[in-house]
Amino acid sequence: MDTRVVLLGIIVENTAAVEELNAILHNYGSYIIGRMGLPYREKNLHIISIVLDAPQNIISALAGKIGMLPGVTAKALYAGKQA
């Protein structure tokens, strides 16, 4: 199956959703290449970057589940070529 490399940007404004967010990311852990999180305390935000190598349907499902969490936003940025 063809996979894509994607940077998934996540902004967390509702810290109550963090536990569920981490559970979702854990379920997709086999596709995650790397993860970086930055707290932005002055704005009460948490910014997370996730790099994935996954089939398109997996990327869409993950972004959709994350985007349905209250106070959490996710956007995907795809590499130019399919892997």
C-alpha atoms as a PDB file:
ATOM      1  CA  MET A   1       0.000   0.000   0.000  1.00  0.00           C
ATOM      2  CA  ASP A   2       1.275   3.472  -0.868  1.00  0.00           C
ATOM      3  CA  THR A   3       2.130   5.724   2.036  1.00  0.00           C
ATOM      4  CA  ARG A   4       2.545   9.460   2.408  1.00  0.00           C
ATOM      5  CA  VAL A   5       4.864  11.471   4.591  1.00  0.00           C
ATOM      6  CA  VAL A   6       2.931  14.154   6.410  1.00  0.00           C
ATOM      7  CA  LEU A   7       3.480  16.748   9.099  1.00  0.00           C
ATOM      8  CA  LEU A   8       0.401  16.917  11.290  1.00  0.00           C
ATOM      9  CA  GLY A   9       0.199  20.199  13.187  1.00  0.00           C
ATOM     10  CA  ILE A  10      -1.921  20.111  16.329  1.00  0.00           C
ATOM     11  CA  ILE A  11      -2.923  23.045  18.525  1.00  0.00           C
ATOM     12  CA  VAL A  12      -4.416  22.253  21.915  1.00  0.00           C
ATOM     13  CA  GLU A  13      -6.418  25.017  23.583  1.00  0.00           C
ATOM     14  CA  ASN A  14      -8.320  22.695  25.937  1.00  0.00           C
ATOM     15  CA  THR A  15      -5.920  20.831  28.217  1.00  0.00           C
ATOM     16  CA  ALA A  16      -8.763  18.567  29.351  1.00  0.00           C
ATOM     17  CA  ALA A  17      -8.499  16.871  25.925  1.00  0.00           C
ATOM     18  CA  VAL A  18      -4.801  15.968  26.307  1.00  0.00           C
ATOM     19  CA  GLU A  19      -5.379  12.508  27.797  1.00  0.00           C
ATOM     20  CA  GLU A  20      -7.704  11.504  24.962  1.00  0.00           C
ATOM     21  CA  LEU A  21      -5.338  13.045  22.388  1.00  0.00           C
ATOM     22  CA  ASN A  22      -2.437  10.995  23.746  1.00  0.00           C
ATOM     23  CA  ALA A  23      -4.563   7.833  23.641  1.00  0.00           C
ATOM     24  CA  ILE A  24      -5.406   8.480  19.974  1.00  0.00           C
ATOM     25  CA  LEU A  25      -1.755   9.118  19.107  1.00  0.00           C
ATOM     26  CA  HIS A  26      -0.758   5.931  20.944  1.00  0.00           C
ATOM     27  CA  ASN A  27      -3.174   3.933  18.755  1.00  0.00           C
ATOM     28  CA  TYR A  28      -1.432   5.269  15.630  1.00  0.00           C
ATOM     29  CA  GLY A  29       2.077   4.941  17.062  1.00  0.00           C
ATOM     30  CA  SER A  30       3.275   2.472  14.418  1.00  0.00           C
ATOM     31  CA  TYR A  31       2.931   5.219  11.771  1.00  0.00           C
ATOM     32  CA  ILE A  32       4.565   8.013  13.779  1.00  0.00           C
ATOM     33  CA  ILE A  33       8.155   8.860  12.821  1.00  0.00           C
ATOM     34  CA  GLY A  34       8.581  11.648  15.374  1.00  0.00           C
ATOM     35  CA  ARG A  35       6.776  13.986  17.709  1.00  0.00           C
ATOM     36  CA  MET A  36       7.604  17.369  19.213  1.00  0.00           C
ATOM     37  CA  GLY A  37       5.498  19.325  21.669  1.00  0.00           C
ATOM     38  CA  LEU A  38       5.899  22.936  22.716  1.00  0.00           C
ATOM     39  CA  PRO A  39       3.978  24.610  25.520  1.00  0.00           C
ATOM     40  CA  TYR A  40       3.216  28.255  24.829  1.00  0.00           C
ATOM     41  CA  ARG A  41       2.352  29.293  28.364  1.00  0.00           C
ATOM     42  CA  GLU A  42       1.821  32.984  27.600  1.00  0.00           C
ATOM     43  CA  LYS A  43      -1.082  32.081  25.301  1.00  0.00           C
ATOM     44  CA  ASN A  44      -2.191  28.952  27.234  1.00  0.00           C
ATOM     45  CA  LEU A  45      -1.641  26.821  24.107  1.00  0.00           C
ATOM     46  CA  HIS A  46       0.189  23.602  23.400  1.00  0.00           C
ATOM     47  CA  ILE A  47       1.602  23.072  19.913  1.00  0.00           C
ATOM     48  CA  ILE A  48       2.396  19.543  18.778  1.00  0.00           C
ATOM     49  CA  SER A  49       4.057  18.449  15.537  1.00  0.00           C
ATOM     50  CA  ILE A  50       3.661  14.827  14.474  1.00  0.00           C
ATOM     51  CA  VAL A  51       5.506  13.374  11.468  1.00  0.00           C
ATOM     52  CA  LEU A  52       3.879  10.300   9.966  1.00  0.00           C
ATOM     53  CA  ASP A  53       4.530   7.836   7.163  1.00  0.00           C
ATOM     54  CA  ALA A  54       1.140   6.269   6.587  1.00  0.00           C
ATOM     55  CA  PRO A  55      -1.509   5.420   3.989  1.00  0.00           C
ATOM     56  CA  GLN A  56      -3.858   8.270   3.113  1.00  0.00           C
ATOM     57  CA  ASN A  57      -6.856   6.681   4.831  1.00  0.00           C
ATOM     58  CA  ILE A  58      -4.908   6.369   8.106  1.00  0.00           C
ATOM     59  CA  ILE A  59      -3.779  10.004   7.954  1.00  0.00           C
ATOM     60  CA  SER A  60      -7.333  11.172   7.301  1.00  0.00           C
ATOM     61  CA  ALA A  61      -8.755   9.035  10.110  1.00  0.00           C
ATOM     62  CA  LEU A  62      -6.163  10.282  12.603  1.00  0.00           C
ATOM     63  CA  ALA A  63      -6.607  13.955  11.678  1.00  0.00           C
ATOM     64  CA  GLY A  64     -10.385  13.549  11.817  1.00  0.00           C
ATOM     65  CA  LYS A  65     -10.366  11.946  15.267  1.00  0.00           C
ATOM     66  CA  ILE A  66      -8.037  14.607  16.624  1.00  0.00           C
ATOM     67  CA  GLY A  67     -10.080  17.413  15.049  1.00  0.00           C
ATOM     68  CA  MET A  68     -13.235  16.149  16.770  1.00  0.00           C
ATOM     69  CA  LEU A  69     -11.724  16.667  20.217  1.00  0.00           C
ATOM     70  CA  PRO A  70     -13.082  19.834  21.862  1.00  0.00           C
ATOM     71  CA  GLY A  71     -10.542  22.648  21.821  1.00  0.00           C
ATOM     72  CA  VAL A  72      -8.100  20.789  19.556  1.00  0.00           C
ATOM     73  CA  THR A  73      -7.263  21.663  15.942  1.00  0.00           C
ATOM     74  CA  ALA A  74      -5.279  19.520  13.486  1.00  0.00           C
ATOM     75  CA  LYS A  75      -4.019  20.289   9.984  1.00  0.00           C
ATOM     76  CA  ALA A  76      -1.916  18.137   7.660  1.00  0.00           C
ATOM     77  CA  LEU A  77       0.941  19.244   5.425  1.00  0.00           C
ATOM     78  CA  TYR A  78       1.951  16.611   2.869  1.00  0.00           C
ATOM     79  CA  ALA A  79       5.364  15.981   1.359  1.00  0.00           C
ATOM     80  CA  GLY A  80       5.457  16.601  -2.401  1.00  0.00           C
ATOM     81  CA  LYS A  81       5.985  12.975  -3.401  1.00  0.00           C
ATOM     82  CA  GLN A  82       4.380   9.763  -2.363  1.00  0.00           C
ATOM     83  CA  ALA A  83       6.747   7.500  -0.471  1.00  0.00           C
END
